[in-house]
C-alpha atoms as a PDB file:
ATOM      1  CA  MET A   1       6.947 -20.235  -0.974  1.00  0.00           C
ATOM      2  CA  ASN A   2       7.995 -17.829   1.788  1.00  0.00           C
ATOM      3  CA  VAL A   3       9.865 -14.842   0.367  1.00  0.00           C
ATOM      4  CA  LEU A   4      11.560 -12.228   2.527  1.00  0.00           C
ATOM      5  CA  PHE A   5      12.436  -8.944   0.804  1.00  0.00           C
ATOM      6  CA  ILE A   6      15.239  -6.942   2.420  1.00  0.00           C
ATOM      7  CA  CYS A   7      16.540  -3.420   1.830  1.00  0.00           C
ATOM      8  CA  ASN A   8      18.263  -0.860   4.038  1.00  0.00           C
ATOM      9  CA  GLN A   9      15.363   0.795   5.865  1.00  0.00           C
ATOM     10  CA  ASN A  10      12.282  -1.264   4.860  1.00  0.00           C
ATOM     11  CA  GLN A  11      10.513   1.888   3.731  1.00  0.00           C
ATOM     12  CA  ASN A  12      10.462   1.845  -0.056  1.00  0.00           C
ATOM     13  CA  ARG A  13      11.957  -1.047  -2.027  1.00  0.00           C
ATOM     14  CA  SER A  14      11.274  -4.048   0.214  1.00  0.00           C
ATOM     15  CA  LYS A  15       7.875  -2.707   1.374  1.00  0.00           C
ATOM     16  CA  THR A  16       6.824  -2.228  -2.249  1.00  0.00           C
ATOM     17  CA  ALA A  17       8.033  -5.726  -3.161  1.00  0.00           C
ATOM     18  CA  GLU A  18       6.190  -7.278  -0.210  1.00  0.00           C
ATOM     19  CA  ASP A  19       3.002  -5.576  -1.341  1.00  0.00           C
ATOM     20  CA  ILE A  20       3.130  -6.322  -5.069  1.00  0.00           C
ATOM     21  CA  PHE A  21       4.121 -10.008  -4.730  1.00  0.00           C
ATOM     22  CA  LYS A  22       1.804 -10.956  -1.833  1.00  0.00           C
ATOM     23  CA  ASN A  23      -0.564 -12.733  -4.229  1.00  0.00           C
ATOM     24  CA  LYS A  24       2.258 -14.752  -5.800  1.00  0.00           C
ATOM     25  CA  PHE A  25       4.208 -15.717  -2.643  1.00  0.00           C
ATOM     26  CA  ASP A  26       3.885 -15.576   1.129  1.00  0.00           C
ATOM     27  CA  THR A  27       5.806 -12.338   1.625  1.00  0.00           C
ATOM     28  CA  LYS A  28       7.409 -10.327   4.388  1.00  0.00           C
ATOM     29  CA  SER A  29       9.830  -7.438   4.293  1.00  0.00           C
ATOM     30  CA  ALA A  30      12.535  -6.138   6.585  1.00  0.00           C
ATOM     31  CA  GLY A  31      15.343  -3.630   6.781  1.00  0.00           C
ATOM     32  CA  LEU A  32      18.924  -3.955   7.889  1.00  0.00           C
ATOM     33  CA  TYR A  33      19.603  -0.493   9.296  1.00  0.00           C
ATOM     34  CA  ASN A  34      16.332   0.685  10.812  1.00  0.00           C
ATOM     35  CA  GLY A  35      14.908   0.773  14.336  1.00  0.00           C
ATOM     36  CA  LYS A  36      13.591  -2.786  14.012  1.00  0.00           C
ATOM     37  CA  PRO A  37      16.123  -4.682  11.850  1.00  0.00           C
ATOM     38  CA  VAL A  38      15.603  -8.104  10.311  1.00  0.00           C
ATOM     39  CA  THR A  39      15.545 -10.898  12.871  1.00  0.00           C
ATOM     40  CA  GLU A  40      16.798 -14.447  12.932  1.00  0.00           C
ATOM     41  CA  LYS A  41      13.157 -15.574  13.108  1.00  0.00           C
ATOM     42  CA  GLN A  42      12.379 -13.783   9.837  1.00  0.00           C
ATOM     43  CA  VAL A  43      15.450 -15.236   8.136  1.00  0.00           C
ATOM     44  CA  SER A  44      14.518 -18.725   9.372  1.00  0.00           C
ATOM     45  CA  TRP A  45      10.954 -18.315   8.062  1.00  0.00           C
ATOM     46  CA  ALA A  46      12.070 -17.505   4.516  1.00  0.00           C
ATOM     47  CA  ASP A  47      12.588 -20.077   1.794  1.00  0.00           C
ATOM     48  CA  THR A  48      14.080 -17.353  -0.401  1.00  0.00           C
ATOM     49  CA  ILE A  49      15.533 -14.005   0.597  1.00  0.00           C
ATOM     50  CA  MET A  50      15.626 -11.241  -1.984  1.00  0.00           C
ATOM     51  CA  VAL A  51      17.956  -8.362  -1.264  1.00  0.00           C
ATOM     52  CA  MET A  52      17.929  -5.155  -3.260  1.00  0.00           C
ATOM     53  CA  GLU A  53      21.741  -4.842  -3.441  1.00  0.00           C
ATOM     54  CA  ASP A  54      24.699  -7.236  -3.109  1.00  0.00           C
ATOM     55  CA  ILE A  55      26.022  -5.395  -0.051  1.00  0.00           C
ATOM     56  CA  GLN A  56      22.877  -6.474   1.800  1.00  0.00           C
ATOM     57  CA  ARG A  57      23.661 -10.115   1.051  1.00  0.00           C
ATOM     58  CA  THR A  58      27.080  -9.587   2.631  1.00  0.00           C
ATOM     59  CA  GLU A  59      25.484  -8.047   5.711  1.00  0.00           C
ATOM     60  CA  ILE A  60      23.125 -11.030   6.086  1.00  0.00           C
ATOM     61  CA  SER A  61      26.121 -13.378   5.934  1.00  0.00           C
ATOM     62  CA  LYS A  62      27.727 -11.472   8.826  1.00  0.00           C
ATOM     63  CA  ARG A  63      24.613 -11.272  10.986  1.00  0.00           C
ATOM     64  CA  PHE A  64      23.258 -14.763  10.359  1.00  0.00           C
ATOM     65  CA  PRO A  65      26.184 -17.015   9.347  1.00  0.00           C
ATOM     66  CA  GLN A  66      24.359 -20.203  10.413  1.00  0.00           C
ATOM     67  CA  HIS A  67      21.468 -19.480   8.040  1.00  0.00           C
ATOM     68  CA  TYR A  68      23.381 -17.848   5.231  1.00  0.00           C
ATOM     69  CA  MET A  69      24.552 -21.028   3.514  1.00  0.00           C
ATOM     70  CA  GLN A  70      21.181 -22.730   3.937  1.00  0.00           C
ATOM     71  CA  LYS A  71      19.120 -20.016   2.260  1.00  0.00           C
ATOM     72  CA  ARG A  72      18.587 -19.057  -1.330  1.00  0.00           C
ATOM     73  CA  ILE A  73      19.572 -15.377  -1.353  1.00  0.00           C
ATOM     74  CA  LEU A  74      19.053 -13.458  -4.569  1.00  0.00           C
ATOM     75  CA  SER A  75      20.141  -9.907  -5.332  1.00  0.00           C
ATOM     76  CA  LEU A  76      17.779  -7.828  -7.453  1.00  0.00           C
ATOM     77  CA  GLU A  77      20.324  -5.006  -7.972  1.00  0.00           C
ATOM     78  CA  ILE A  78      17.777  -2.229  -7.497  1.00  0.00           C
ATOM     79  CA  PRO A  79      19.387   0.991  -6.214  1.00  0.00           C
ATOM     80  CA  ASP A  80      17.970   3.060  -3.368  1.00  0.00           C
ATOM     81  CA  ILE A  81      16.590   5.857  -5.553  1.00  0.00           C
ATOM     82  CA  TYR A  82      12.863   5.126  -5.433  1.00  0.00           C
ATOM     83  CA  THR A  83       9.909   5.989  -3.238  1.00  0.00           C
ATOM     84  CA  PHE A  84       7.276   3.571  -1.955  1.00  0.00           C
ATOM     85  CA  ASN A  85       5.122   2.190  -4.790  1.00  0.00           C
ATOM     86  CA  GLN A  86       6.802   4.424  -7.376  1.00  0.00           C
ATOM     87  CA  PRO A  87       5.761   3.118 -10.834  1.00  0.00           C
ATOM     88  CA  GLU A  88       9.397   2.775 -11.976  1.00  0.00           C
ATOM     89  CA  LEU A  89      10.209   0.737  -8.868  1.00  0.00           C
ATOM     90  CA  ILE A  90       7.222  -1.549  -9.430  1.00  0.00           C
ATOM     91  CA  LYS A  91       8.293  -2.078 -13.051  1.00  0.00           C
ATOM     92  CA  ALA A  92      11.883  -2.890 -12.033  1.00  0.00           C
ATOM     93  CA  LEU A  93      10.777  -5.281  -9.290  1.00  0.00           C
ATOM     94  CA  LYS A  94       8.331  -7.151 -11.522  1.00  0.00           C
ATOM     95  CA  SER A  95      10.870  -7.451 -14.332  1.00  0.00           C
ATOM     96  CA  LYS A  96      13.658  -8.801 -12.117  1.00  0.00           C
ATOM     97  CA  VAL A  97      11.546 -11.139  -9.981  1.00  0.00           C
ATOM     98  CA  ASN A  98       9.725 -12.574 -13.017  1.00  0.00           C
ATOM     99  CA  LYS A  99      13.097 -13.381 -14.615  1.00  0.00           C
ATOM    100  CA  LEU A 100      14.087 -15.347 -11.505  1.00  0.00           C
ATOM    101  CA  PHE A 101      10.818 -17.274 -11.241  1.00  0.00           C
END
């Protein structure tokens, strides 16, 4: 399964998620508000898109309306308070993703 993790900058939350789940899924990560934001190609590639906050799901619906209704988009509700690979972030990601799968 192709899973795309999305957060605001693709520095901490989505990068960490991409790294820790790469042995469970085919993973990629992207940001919405960075110098190289998520592309239509990345959204098309994904079977499931996991956003860190609901507001990111809304932004995807605005940027990619054709794909939005065709994709499974799940919100993990993980706030932007963590650093890359922070143990508390890893614990939160594993707990929430394991509940969904």
